[in-house]
Amino acid sequence: QVRLVESGGGSVQTGGSLRLSCAVSGGSFGSYAMGWFRQAPTKERELGEFVACINWSGHKTYYSDSAQGRFTISRDNAKNTVYLQMNNLKPEDTAVYYCAQGGSSTTDFVQRPPGNLDAWGQGTLVTVSS
């Protein structure tokens, strides 16, 4: 059974940076696309916002408009880990960030309804204060 565990969340001020990690155990990590979603504290999981995804090899990435230019997704298949480097954070980035696994390409990942992704982590909270 695949297990995803996020870490790296915390509290920062506007303009700060955080690096989230998602460690994956079980399954074939290097065969799957990985991505990040976020959910503001007052919203349900079904309304979670897509942030970024990366294909199985790490050579292709895709970002939401809000993440483009500030966030960078990467992966280390030798460590079964995907990362989200977040720079120039804003209060509106405050959310619980979840990693997810599904498909092999970024296209497949973003086209799937979030409920159809293969596995999810439990989330890590990011709080950005002004």
C-alpha atoms as a PDB file:
ATOM      1  CA  GLN A   1       0.000   0.000   0.000  1.00  0.00           C
ATOM      2  CA  VAL A   2       1.287   3.424  -0.956  1.00  0.00           C
ATOM      3  CA  ARG A   3       1.812   5.937   1.831  1.00  0.00           C
ATOM      4  CA  LEU A   4       2.523   9.637   1.361  1.00  0.00           C
ATOM      5  CA  VAL A   5       3.832  11.754   4.233  1.00  0.00           C
ATOM      6  CA  GLU A   6       4.227  15.510   3.894  1.00  0.00           C
ATOM      7  CA  SER A   7       6.549  17.642   5.986  1.00  0.00           C
ATOM      8  CA  GLY A   8       8.066  21.090   5.982  1.00  0.00           C
ATOM      9  CA  GLY A   9       5.059  23.217   6.727  1.00  0.00           C
ATOM     10  CA  GLY A  10       5.195  26.026   9.228  1.00  0.00           C
ATOM     11  CA  SER A  11       4.633  29.708   9.829  1.00  0.00           C
ATOM     12  CA  VAL A  12       6.428  32.403   7.878  1.00  0.00           C
ATOM     13  CA  GLN A  13       5.996  36.066   7.183  1.00  0.00           C
ATOM     14  CA  THR A  14       5.035  37.530   3.842  1.00  0.00           C
ATOM     15  CA  GLY A  15       7.908  37.202   1.418  1.00  0.00           C
ATOM     16  CA  GLY A  16       9.373  34.203   3.193  1.00  0.00           C
ATOM     17  CA  SER A  17      10.123  30.753   1.848  1.00  0.00           C
ATOM     18  CA  LEU A  18       9.344  27.174   2.753  1.00  0.00           C
ATOM     19  CA  ARG A  19      10.241  23.833   1.236  1.00  0.00           C
ATOM     20  CA  LEU A  20       7.699  21.086   1.512  1.00  0.00           C
ATOM     21  CA  SER A  21       8.610  17.444   1.162  1.00  0.00           C
ATOM     22  CA  CYS A  22       6.469  14.422   0.446  1.00  0.00           C
ATOM     23  CA  ALA A  23       8.035  11.063   1.184  1.00  0.00           C
ATOM     24  CA  VAL A  24       6.431   8.088  -0.522  1.00  0.00           C
ATOM     25  CA  SER A  25       6.666   4.491   0.593  1.00  0.00           C
ATOM     26  CA  GLY A  26       5.262   1.444  -1.164  1.00  0.00           C
ATOM     27  CA  GLY A  27       4.449   1.176  -4.850  1.00  0.00           C
ATOM     28  CA  SER A  28       6.682   2.295  -7.703  1.00  0.00           C
ATOM     29  CA  PHE A  29       7.359   5.953  -7.006  1.00  0.00           C
ATOM     30  CA  GLY A  30       9.420   6.513 -10.142  1.00  0.00           C
ATOM     31  CA  SER A  31       6.547   5.415 -12.387  1.00  0.00           C
ATOM     32  CA  TYR A  32       4.022   7.997 -11.287  1.00  0.00           C
ATOM     33  CA  ALA A  33       3.347  11.674 -11.634  1.00  0.00           C
ATOM     34  CA  MET A  34       3.197  13.571  -8.375  1.00  0.00           C
ATOM     35  CA  GLY A  35       1.565  16.822  -7.467  1.00  0.00           C
ATOM     36  CA  TRP A  36       0.536  19.254  -4.782  1.00  0.00           C
ATOM     37  CA  PHE A  37      -2.863  20.623  -3.891  1.00  0.00           C
ATOM     38  CA  ARG A  38      -3.798  23.030  -1.178  1.00  0.00           C
ATOM     39  CA  GLN A  39      -6.882  23.633   0.859  1.00  0.00           C
ATOM     40  CA  ALA A  40      -7.587  26.816   2.726  1.00  0.00           C
ATOM     41  CA  PRO A  41      -8.598  26.061   6.338  1.00  0.00           C
ATOM     42  CA  THR A  42     -12.239  26.950   5.795  1.00  0.00           C
ATOM     43  CA  LYS A  43     -12.750  24.857   2.653  1.00  0.00           C
ATOM     44  CA  GLU A  44     -13.586  21.221   2.108  1.00  0.00           C
ATOM     45  CA  ARG A  45     -11.158  18.816   0.442  1.00  0.00           C
ATOM     46  CA  GLU A  46     -13.397  18.705  -2.627  1.00  0.00           C
ATOM     47  CA  LEU A  47     -12.638  22.331  -3.266  1.00  0.00           C
ATOM     48  CA  GLY A  48      -8.885  21.957  -2.910  1.00  0.00           C
ATOM     49  CA  GLU A  49      -6.818  23.999  -5.319  1.00  0.00           C
ATOM     50  CA  PHE A  50      -4.285  22.451  -7.669  1.00  0.00           C
ATOM     51  CA  VAL A  51      -0.815  23.907  -7.153  1.00  0.00           C
ATOM     52  CA  ALA A  52       1.741  22.001  -9.223  1.00  0.00           C
ATOM     53  CA  CYS A  53       2.609  18.600 -10.631  1.00  0.00           C
ATOM     54  CA  ILE A  54       5.592  16.803 -12.085  1.00  0.00           C
ATOM     55  CA  ASN A  55       5.787  13.833 -14.394  1.00  0.00           C
ATOM     56  CA  TRP A  56       7.349  10.507 -13.541  1.00  0.00           C
ATOM     57  CA  SER A  57      10.831  11.446 -14.747  1.00  0.00           C
ATOM     58  CA  GLY A  58      10.897  14.958 -13.354  1.00  0.00           C
ATOM     59  CA  HIS A  59      11.439  16.465 -16.792  1.00  0.00           C
ATOM     60  CA  LYS A  60       8.002  18.046 -17.112  1.00  0.00           C
ATOM     61  CA  THR A  61       6.209  20.259 -14.664  1.00  0.00           C
ATOM     62  CA  TYR A  62       2.973  22.201 -14.632  1.00  0.00           C
ATOM     63  CA  TYR A  63       1.857  24.999 -12.315  1.00  0.00           C
ATOM     64  CA  SER A  64      -1.252  26.883 -11.422  1.00  0.00           C
ATOM     65  CA  ASP A  65      -1.258  30.555 -12.266  1.00  0.00           C
ATOM     66  CA  SER A  66      -0.875  31.424  -8.597  1.00  0.00           C
ATOM     67  CA  ALA A  67       2.167  29.170  -8.222  1.00  0.00           C
ATOM     68  CA  GLN A  68       3.902  29.968 -11.486  1.00  0.00           C
ATOM     69  CA  GLY A  69       7.076  31.937 -10.934  1.00  0.00           C
ATOM     70  CA  ARG A  70       7.091  31.546  -7.145  1.00  0.00           C
ATOM     71  CA  PHE A  71       6.907  27.798  -6.538  1.00  0.00           C
ATOM     72  CA  THR A  72       9.087  25.026  -7.909  1.00  0.00           C
ATOM     73  CA  ILE A  73       8.178  21.360  -7.852  1.00  0.00           C
ATOM     74  CA  SER A  74      10.912  18.751  -8.093  1.00  0.00           C
ATOM     75  CA  ARG A  75      11.452  15.115  -7.298  1.00  0.00           C
ATOM     76  CA  ASP A  76      14.221  12.742  -6.329  1.00  0.00           C
ATOM     77  CA  ASN A  77      13.293   9.273  -7.507  1.00  0.00           C
ATOM     78  CA  ALA A  78      16.240   7.760  -5.629  1.00  0.00           C
ATOM     79  CA  LYS A  79      14.752   9.094  -2.390  1.00  0.00           C
ATOM     80  CA  ASN A  80      11.074   8.526  -3.309  1.00  0.00           C
ATOM     81  CA  THR A  81      10.428  12.148  -2.465  1.00  0.00           C
ATOM     82  CA  VAL A  82       8.768  15.086  -4.163  1.00  0.00           C
ATOM     83  CA  TYR A  83       9.409  18.667  -3.111  1.00  0.00           C
ATOM     84  CA  LEU A  84       7.668  22.005  -3.369  1.00  0.00           C
ATOM     85  CA  GLN A  85       9.917  25.018  -2.954  1.00  0.00           C
ATOM     86  CA  MET A  86       7.760  28.039  -2.186  1.00  0.00           C
ATOM     87  CA  ASN A  87       9.251  31.509  -2.400  1.00  0.00           C
ATOM     88  CA  ASN A  88       7.802  34.983  -1.951  1.00  0.00           C
ATOM     89  CA  LEU A  89       4.951  33.590   0.080  1.00  0.00           C
ATOM     90  CA  LYS A  90       1.775  35.612   0.504  1.00  0.00           C
ATOM     91  CA  PRO A  91      -1.001  35.452   3.110  1.00  0.00           C
ATOM     92  CA  GLU A  92      -3.294  33.931   0.481  1.00  0.00           C
ATOM     93  CA  ASP A  93      -0.937  30.948   0.288  1.00  0.00           C
ATOM     94  CA  THR A  94      -2.052  29.959   3.778  1.00  0.00           C
ATOM     95  CA  ALA A  95      -3.488  26.461   3.486  1.00  0.00           C
ATOM     96  CA  VAL A  96      -2.982  22.813   4.224  1.00  0.00           C
ATOM     97  CA  TYR A  97      -0.809  21.444   1.434  1.00  0.00           C
ATOM     98  CA  TYR A  98      -1.373  17.880   0.259  1.00  0.00           C
ATOM     99  CA  CYS A  99       0.710  15.778  -2.061  1.00  0.00           C
ATOM    100  CA  ALA A 100      -0.905  13.268  -4.354  1.00  0.00           C
ATOM    101  CA  GLN A 101       0.093  10.570  -6.778  1.00  0.00           C
ATOM    102  CA  GLY A 102      -1.579   9.616 -10.039  1.00  0.00           C
ATOM    103  CA  GLY A 103      -0.905   8.791 -13.683  1.00  0.00           C
ATOM    104  CA  SER A 104       2.532   9.172 -15.201  1.00  0.00           C
ATOM    105  CA  SER A 105       2.328  12.456 -17.124  1.00  0.00           C
ATOM    106  CA  THR A 106       1.462  15.969 -16.025  1.00  0.00           C
ATOM    107  CA  THR A 107      -1.410  15.910 -18.516  1.00  0.00           C
ATOM    108  CA  ASP A 108      -2.882  12.799 -16.960  1.00  0.00           C
ATOM    109  CA  PHE A 109      -2.440  14.202 -13.469  1.00  0.00           C
ATOM    110  CA  VAL A 110      -4.194  17.510 -14.085  1.00  0.00           C
ATOM    111  CA  GLN A 111      -7.011  15.962 -16.099  1.00  0.00           C
ATOM    112  CA  ARG A 112      -7.998  13.577 -13.352  1.00  0.00           C
ATOM    113  CA  PRO A 113     -10.569  14.753 -10.832  1.00  0.00           C
ATOM    114  CA  PRO A 114      -8.748  14.975  -7.499  1.00  0.00           C
ATOM    115  CA  GLY A 115     -10.884  12.148  -6.147  1.00  0.00           C
ATOM    116  CA  ASN A 116      -9.558   9.877  -8.887  1.00  0.00           C
ATOM    117  CA  LEU A 117      -5.904  10.318  -7.970  1.00  0.00           C
ATOM    118  CA  ASP A 118      -4.315   7.180  -6.622  1.00  0.00           C
ATOM    119  CA  ALA A 119      -3.039   8.275  -3.242  1.00  0.00           C
ATOM    120  CA  TRP A 120      -2.959  11.285  -0.934  1.00  0.00           C
ATOM    121  CA  GLY A 121      -0.967  12.390   2.039  1.00  0.00           C
ATOM    122  CA  GLN A 122      -2.391  13.799   5.247  1.00  0.00           C
ATOM    123  CA  GLY A 123      -1.243  17.337   4.598  1.00  0.00           C
ATOM    124  CA  THR A 124       1.053  19.903   6.138  1.00  0.00           C
ATOM    125  CA  LEU A 125      -0.065  23.353   7.251  1.00  0.00           C
ATOM    126  CA  VAL A 126       1.492  26.487   5.829  1.00  0.00           C
ATOM    127  CA  THR A 127       0.650  29.785   7.495  1.00  0.00           C
ATOM    128  CA  VAL A 128       1.787  33.068   6.019  1.00  0.00           C
ATOM    129  CA  SER A 129       1.332  36.166   8.127  1.00  0.00           C
ATOM    130  CA  SER A 130       1.343  39.735   6.904  1.00  0.00           C
END
